[in-house]
Structures are given as C-alpha cells and as structure tokens.
C-alpha cells in the first residue's frame, strides 16, 4: 500500500495543500480560498477538500487514494477549542488527520520539528514558541478584530478609520487616503456598507498599497507601518519573555516589515528553514501533535 502525506496551510486569505510520497517527493500542490475555521468549519473543510482535490489531480491521484492519505492540517483559528472540536468532528475520507494552528505548523516547518519560535504576521498574527520539551507557548492569535495586531487585517482596519477622518478633513488627505477613497468611488456610505460584512482578508487587501505609498514618503502610510512594526515588536518581546532566543518572522506582512523594526528586534530574527506546509507534512508524518484531544 502506497502512503501519501498531505500538508495543509490554511489561513484567513488562502488554503494551500501539498502532497508528498513516502520518499518526500512533492507530487502536487494547490492553493484556494480561506480555511480559517472560525469563519465556519464547513467552509474551511470545503476549501481544504478543494485544495486536496486539485493537488491530487496534479499528482495523478484520485479520491480512491484518499484512504492512504495522512493529513497534517495547520489552520487559522485552531487555537479556539470549540472550533477545533467541531472541525475534527466532521467526517473525512483520510487514513488519519492531525490538526493544530497555522502558527504551530509554521513553527514546526521553520525549525524542522525542533525547539524554536515563530511570529507569523499575514492577514492575522500569532506567535508561538515550542520549547525543548515540545510544549507550545502561544501569544496573540485570538482573531480579528480583538487581536491580530501586526497583521494585515488590523492594519487595513486602522487605515479605513484614518481615511474616514481624512474624508472629514480632520487629518491630511494623503495619496494613500485618496487611493482608498477612489477604491470606494469616494462614497462614504459605500465604505460603511462594506464594513458591515467585511472579513479579515477584505481589510488585508489594502496592505500592499500601504507599503507602496510608504516607499513614496506618504505620511499616513509611514504612520501605519510604524504602528505595525510596534505591534510586531510587542509580540517578539512576549516570545522572548517565554524563553525564545531566536524567532523566525513569517507571513506577507512579517517578510516586509523587517526594515521598520528596531535593530535590537532585527537581531533576534532567523530565517525559517521551511514553510508551514512543510511543517504540516511533518505533522502528517508524526512530528508534533494535535492541539487538543478529540475527547475534549
């Protein structure tokens, strides 16, 4: 019987799947929509199945092979116990499933299953330190809007707040503010209506524009990035307080915010050895563990 290992990296913006064989050769890889379980365990499972289907097709495999799949899932929202239990209660066709947080998968990948810490700053944010006894210590990651400082969604939310102040002529209307207003056709009511249903990735979509305008000297963009850098430094300090000496800073925001960090915080950073999907595959192969027991 051929055994396959599947790594799932599911965040607020995208869900990626990678299938490898017993020798570790990558057979297929795919990327689809969000797999944050706090946005609905059924929605997350649908994204995961879609990603696996696409990766399996690329690998020349079919659903009949799924009974030989060992799947490691590193999912956003996995730290919430009720959501974790609800997700794990769903039926699936795989031989076995191990599930932990997206930050945990990223940490396992970044340090090849050894002790170490990561701070992931993408759409959301979360830090984790896996100590020499393989115990995990988590900071942040309690989801938008009450947590996730240093991530793109919080950055986007703050930007929208400042843009509305600029529209009211309370603060300067910089080119970045004008860019956002143009996105909504300069219709303030449209921004309000949009905000009623906007999810983290909707706010996070503005982060590339913030970085681009900051490079051009936009005062609002610079202020946004200074605040995000301060948030990232806060999480780095919290990880050091828990025993971490070196931290791999990951994610779409994390990779770009480094020049904005203090020299002290930059000095504690290390390059990740591999990505979250590699960590999820290590989980599928037996490294790491479920965050909770299925029995609750």
Protein backbone atom coordinates (compact mmCIF):
# COMPACT_ATOMS: atom_id res chain seq x y z
CA UNK A 1 0.00 0.00 0.00
CA UNK A 2 1.41 3.36 -1.05
CA UNK A 3 1.30 6.01 1.68
CA UNK A 4 0.96 9.69 0.93
CA UNK A 5 1.46 12.65 3.24
CA UNK A 6 -0.53 15.86 2.84
CA UNK A 7 0.28 19.21 4.36
CA UNK A 8 -2.42 21.88 4.68
CA UNK A 9 -1.62 25.51 5.48
CA UNK A 10 -4.97 27.21 6.00
CA UNK A 11 -5.09 30.92 6.75
CA UNK A 12 -7.57 33.75 6.58
CA UNK A 13 -6.79 34.53 2.94
CA UNK A 14 -5.81 31.22 1.37
CA UNK A 15 -5.57 27.47 1.84
CA UNK A 16 -2.59 25.61 0.39
CA UNK A 17 -2.18 21.86 0.02
CA UNK A 18 0.95 19.85 -0.76
CA UNK A 19 1.11 16.09 -1.36
CA UNK A 20 4.36 14.15 -0.98
CA UNK A 21 5.16 10.46 -1.26
CA UNK A 22 6.97 8.30 1.28
CA UNK A 23 10.31 9.48 -0.11
CA UNK A 24 9.35 13.14 0.42
CA UNK A 25 8.98 13.99 -3.25
CA UNK A 26 6.38 16.69 -3.93
CA UNK A 27 3.69 15.23 -6.21
CA UNK A 28 1.14 18.03 -6.27
CA UNK A 29 0.40 21.44 -4.83
CA UNK A 30 -2.63 23.74 -4.95
CA UNK A 31 -3.96 26.99 -3.47
CA UNK A 32 -7.61 28.00 -2.98
CA UNK A 33 -9.67 30.24 -0.65
CA UNK A 34 -9.73 30.77 3.12
CA UNK A 35 -9.57 27.89 5.61
CA UNK A 36 -9.91 29.84 8.87
CA UNK A 37 -12.12 27.54 10.96
CA UNK A 38 -13.58 30.49 12.87
CA UNK A 39 -15.26 31.58 9.64
CA UNK A 40 -17.09 28.24 9.62
CA UNK A 41 -15.75 24.71 9.97
CA UNK A 42 -17.78 23.60 6.95
CA UNK A 43 -16.35 26.44 4.86
CA UNK A 44 -12.83 25.55 5.99
CA UNK A 45 -13.33 21.85 5.19
CA UNK A 46 -14.71 22.73 1.76
CA UNK A 47 -11.59 24.79 0.99
CA UNK A 48 -9.33 22.01 2.27
CA UNK A 49 -11.07 19.36 0.18
CA UNK A 50 -10.92 21.59 -2.90
CA UNK A 51 -7.19 22.18 -2.41
CA UNK A 52 -6.52 18.47 -1.88
CA UNK A 53 -8.63 17.56 -4.92
CA UNK A 54 -6.62 19.94 -7.11
CA UNK A 55 -3.27 18.79 -5.71
CA UNK A 56 -4.29 15.15 -6.11
CA UNK A 57 -5.30 15.74 -9.72
CA UNK A 58 -1.91 17.32 -10.35
CA UNK A 59 -0.28 14.28 -8.73
CA UNK A 60 -2.27 11.84 -10.86
CA UNK A 61 -4.20 10.59 -7.84
CA UNK A 62 -7.94 10.19 -7.32
CA UNK A 63 -10.32 10.19 -4.37
CA UNK A 64 -9.85 6.41 -4.19
CA UNK A 65 -6.32 7.13 -2.94
CA UNK A 66 -7.53 9.30 -0.07
CA UNK A 67 -7.78 6.33 2.27
CA UNK A 68 -3.97 6.23 2.07
CA UNK A 69 -3.55 9.92 2.89
CA UNK A 70 -2.13 11.00 6.24
CA UNK A 71 -3.01 14.69 6.55
CA UNK A 72 -1.44 17.34 8.75
CA UNK A 73 -3.53 20.50 8.99
CA UNK A 74 -2.15 23.82 10.22
CA UNK A 75 -5.24 26.02 10.35
CA UNK A 76 -6.01 29.57 11.41
CA UNK A 77 -8.47 29.60 14.31
CA UNK A 78 -7.27 26.21 15.53
CA UNK A 79 -6.43 27.60 18.96
CA UNK A 80 -10.15 28.01 19.73
CA UNK A 81 -11.07 24.72 21.39
CA UNK A 82 -14.76 24.61 20.46
CA UNK A 83 -13.98 25.36 16.83
CA UNK A 84 -11.19 22.75 16.86
CA UNK A 85 -13.53 20.09 18.25
CA UNK A 86 -16.28 21.00 15.78
CA UNK A 87 -13.85 20.77 12.89
CA UNK A 88 -12.39 17.44 14.00
CA UNK A 89 -15.91 16.01 14.38
CA UNK A 90 -16.51 16.37 10.65
CA UNK A 91 -16.30 13.22 8.53
CA UNK A 92 -13.36 12.85 6.16
CA UNK A 93 -12.05 10.14 3.81
CA UNK A 94 -8.43 10.13 5.01
CA UNK A 95 -6.46 7.50 6.90
CA UNK A 96 -5.71 9.99 9.65
CA UNK A 97 -5.80 13.72 10.36
CA UNK A 98 -3.73 15.75 12.77
CA UNK A 99 -4.73 19.38 13.30
CA UNK A 100 -3.11 22.28 15.08
CA UNK A 101 -2.84 26.02 14.49
CA UNK A 102 -1.34 27.65 11.40
CA UNK A 103 1.30 29.16 13.68
CA UNK A 104 2.19 25.73 15.06
CA UNK A 105 2.63 24.31 11.55
CA UNK A 106 4.76 27.30 10.60
CA UNK A 107 6.91 26.83 13.71
CA UNK A 108 7.41 23.10 13.09
CA UNK A 109 8.41 23.88 9.50
CA UNK A 110 10.62 26.84 10.38
CA UNK A 111 12.68 24.80 12.85
CA UNK A 112 12.37 21.36 11.20
CA UNK A 113 10.46 19.97 14.16
CA UNK A 114 12.98 21.20 16.75
CA UNK A 115 12.62 23.78 19.52
CA UNK A 116 12.19 27.35 18.31
CA UNK A 117 9.81 30.26 17.87
CA UNK A 118 8.00 31.98 15.06
CA UNK A 119 5.86 35.05 14.67
CA UNK A 120 3.51 34.83 11.73
CA UNK A 121 2.16 38.16 10.51
CA UNK A 122 -0.05 37.73 7.48
CA UNK A 123 -3.73 38.60 7.30
CA UNK A 124 -3.73 37.89 11.04
CA UNK A 125 -0.92 37.35 13.51
CA UNK A 126 0.17 34.80 16.08
CA UNK A 127 3.38 33.90 17.85
CA UNK A 128 4.39 30.51 19.15
CA UNK A 129 7.40 29.12 20.99
CA UNK A 130 7.94 25.36 21.06
CA UNK A 131 10.28 24.73 23.99
CA UNK A 132 12.86 21.91 24.30
CA UNK A 133 10.19 19.75 25.95
CA UNK A 134 7.97 20.27 22.88
CA UNK A 135 5.44 22.30 24.87
CA UNK A 136 3.91 25.17 22.92
CA UNK A 137 3.55 28.70 24.26
CA UNK A 138 1.20 30.91 22.24
CA UNK A 139 0.94 34.70 22.20
CA UNK A 140 -1.83 36.53 20.38
CA UNK A 141 -3.75 34.86 17.59
CA UNK A 142 -7.19 35.45 19.10
CA UNK A 143 -8.55 36.61 15.78
CA UNK A 144 -9.63 39.88 14.22
CA UNK A 145 -10.70 42.42 15.40
CA UNK A 146 -9.89 41.80 19.08
CA UNK A 147 -6.36 40.52 18.44
CA UNK A 148 -4.10 40.01 15.39
CA UNK A 149 -2.09 43.20 15.89
CA UNK A 150 0.75 43.31 13.39
CA UNK A 151 -1.35 41.61 10.71
CA UNK A 152 -2.78 42.98 7.50
CA UNK A 153 -6.40 42.96 8.66
CA UNK A 154 -5.76 45.18 11.69
CA UNK A 155 -3.57 47.40 9.51
CA UNK A 156 -6.40 47.71 7.00
CA UNK A 157 -8.97 48.46 9.70
CA UNK A 158 -6.80 51.23 11.10
CA UNK A 159 -6.31 52.59 7.60
CA UNK A 160 -10.06 52.74 6.95
CA UNK A 161 -10.52 54.61 10.24
CA UNK A 162 -7.88 57.16 9.24
CA UNK A 163 -9.31 57.52 5.74
CA UNK A 164 -12.69 58.41 7.20
CA UNK A 165 -11.01 61.06 9.34
CA UNK A 166 -9.32 62.40 6.21
CA UNK A 167 -12.68 62.47 4.43
CA UNK A 168 -14.00 64.59 7.30
CA UNK A 169 -10.97 66.90 6.90
CA UNK A 170 -9.75 66.11 10.41
CA UNK A 171 -6.40 64.81 9.20
CA UNK A 172 -4.46 65.29 5.98
CA UNK A 173 -5.81 63.52 2.90
CA UNK A 174 -2.61 61.88 1.66
CA UNK A 175 -2.26 59.97 -1.64
CA UNK A 176 -2.86 56.74 0.29
CA UNK A 177 -6.13 58.08 1.69
CA UNK A 178 -7.09 59.20 -1.81
CA UNK A 179 -6.27 55.72 -3.13
CA UNK A 180 -8.65 54.09 -0.64
CA UNK A 181 -11.40 56.64 -1.27
CA UNK A 182 -11.07 56.01 -5.01
CA UNK A 183 -11.47 52.27 -4.34
CA UNK A 184 -14.93 53.09 -2.97
CA UNK A 185 -15.68 55.72 -5.65
CA UNK A 186 -15.43 58.42 -2.96
CA UNK A 187 -18.71 57.12 -1.48
CA UNK A 188 -18.52 57.14 2.33
CA UNK A 189 -21.81 55.26 2.61
CA UNK A 190 -20.27 52.53 0.45
CA UNK A 191 -17.41 52.20 2.95
CA UNK A 192 -19.90 51.91 5.82
CA UNK A 193 -21.98 49.31 3.98
CA UNK A 194 -18.85 47.36 3.05
CA UNK A 195 -17.68 47.34 6.67
CA UNK A 196 -20.83 45.55 7.80
CA UNK A 197 -19.82 42.35 6.04
CA UNK A 198 -16.07 42.78 5.53
CA UNK A 199 -13.91 39.90 6.76
CA UNK A 200 -10.17 39.95 7.60
CA UNK A 201 -8.94 39.41 4.06
CA UNK A 202 -11.12 42.32 2.86
CA UNK A 203 -9.28 44.66 5.22
CA UNK A 204 -5.96 42.99 4.46
CA UNK A 205 -6.25 43.76 0.74
CA UNK A 206 -5.04 47.31 1.42
CA UNK A 207 -1.68 46.29 2.94
CA UNK A 208 0.25 46.26 -0.38
CA UNK A 209 -0.87 49.84 -1.03
CA UNK A 210 0.33 50.88 2.43
CA UNK A 211 3.82 49.54 1.78
CA UNK A 212 3.89 51.04 -1.72
CA UNK A 213 2.84 54.50 -0.55
CA UNK A 214 5.23 54.40 2.41
CA UNK A 215 8.09 53.88 -0.05
CA UNK A 216 6.97 57.11 -1.71
CA UNK A 217 7.04 59.03 1.57
CA UNK A 218 3.27 59.08 2.26
CA UNK A 219 2.83 60.29 5.86
CA UNK A 220 -0.25 58.16 6.54
CA UNK A 221 1.37 55.02 5.15
CA UNK A 222 4.51 55.61 7.21
CA UNK A 223 2.42 56.03 10.36
CA UNK A 224 0.59 52.77 9.57
CA UNK A 225 3.84 50.84 9.19
CA UNK A 226 5.37 52.35 12.33
CA UNK A 227 2.34 51.15 14.30
CA UNK A 228 2.51 47.69 12.70
CA UNK A 229 6.23 47.49 13.49
CA UNK A 230 5.49 48.40 17.13
CA UNK A 231 2.89 45.61 17.23
CA UNK A 232 5.36 43.09 15.82
CA UNK A 233 7.99 44.19 18.36
CA UNK A 234 5.41 43.66 21.12
CA UNK A 235 4.89 40.03 20.06
CA UNK A 236 8.64 39.44 19.68
CA UNK A 237 9.15 40.69 23.23
CA UNK A 238 6.40 38.40 24.51
CA UNK A 239 8.06 35.39 22.87
CA UNK A 240 11.45 36.27 24.35
CA UNK A 241 9.78 36.58 27.75
CA UNK A 242 8.62 32.96 27.37
CA UNK A 243 12.13 31.71 26.66
CA UNK A 244 12.63 32.12 22.91
CA UNK A 245 16.05 33.39 21.90
CA UNK A 246 15.61 33.46 18.13
CA UNK A 247 12.39 33.97 16.18
CA UNK A 248 11.52 33.31 12.55
CA UNK A 249 9.32 36.15 11.32
CA UNK A 250 6.95 34.88 8.65
CA UNK A 251 3.92 35.89 6.61
CA UNK A 252 3.18 38.50 3.97
CA UNK A 253 3.46 41.38 6.46
CA UNK A 254 6.26 39.85 8.50
CA UNK A 255 8.53 39.50 5.49
CA UNK A 256 8.11 43.18 4.56
CA UNK A 257 8.08 44.83 7.99
CA UNK A 258 11.65 43.86 8.97
CA UNK A 259 13.27 47.16 7.85
CA UNK A 260 10.83 49.02 10.09
CA UNK A 261 11.84 47.09 13.24
CA UNK A 262 14.40 48.27 15.79
CA UNK A 263 17.99 46.95 15.41
CA UNK A 264 17.50 45.01 18.67
CA UNK A 265 14.45 43.19 17.33
CA UNK A 266 16.02 42.60 13.93
CA UNK A 267 18.96 40.94 15.70
CA UNK A 268 16.71 38.24 17.23
CA UNK A 269 15.38 37.11 13.85
CA UNK A 270 16.42 33.95 12.00
CA UNK A 271 15.49 32.62 8.58
CA UNK A 272 12.86 29.83 8.59
CA UNK A 273 14.21 26.51 7.35
CA UNK A 274 10.93 25.63 5.61
CA UNK A 275 7.33 26.83 5.27
CA UNK A 276 4.10 25.97 7.08
CA UNK A 277 3.16 23.30 4.55
CA UNK A 278 6.46 21.55 5.24
CA UNK A 279 5.58 21.77 8.93
CA UNK A 280 2.13 20.34 8.25
CA UNK A 281 3.70 17.45 6.35
CA UNK A 282 5.98 16.78 9.34
CA UNK A 283 2.79 16.71 11.43
CA UNK A 284 1.30 14.19 9.00
CA UNK A 285 4.45 12.10 9.33
CA UNK A 286 4.18 12.02 13.11
CA UNK A 287 6.10 15.09 14.31
CA UNK A 288 4.16 17.35 16.66
CA UNK A 289 0.70 16.68 17.95
CA UNK A 290 -2.96 17.70 17.94
CA UNK A 291 -3.63 20.84 19.92
CA UNK A 292 -6.47 19.17 21.84
CA UNK A 293 -7.68 15.63 22.30
CA UNK A 294 -10.71 14.58 20.28
CA UNK A 295 -12.35 13.54 23.54
CA UNK A 296 -12.16 17.22 24.56
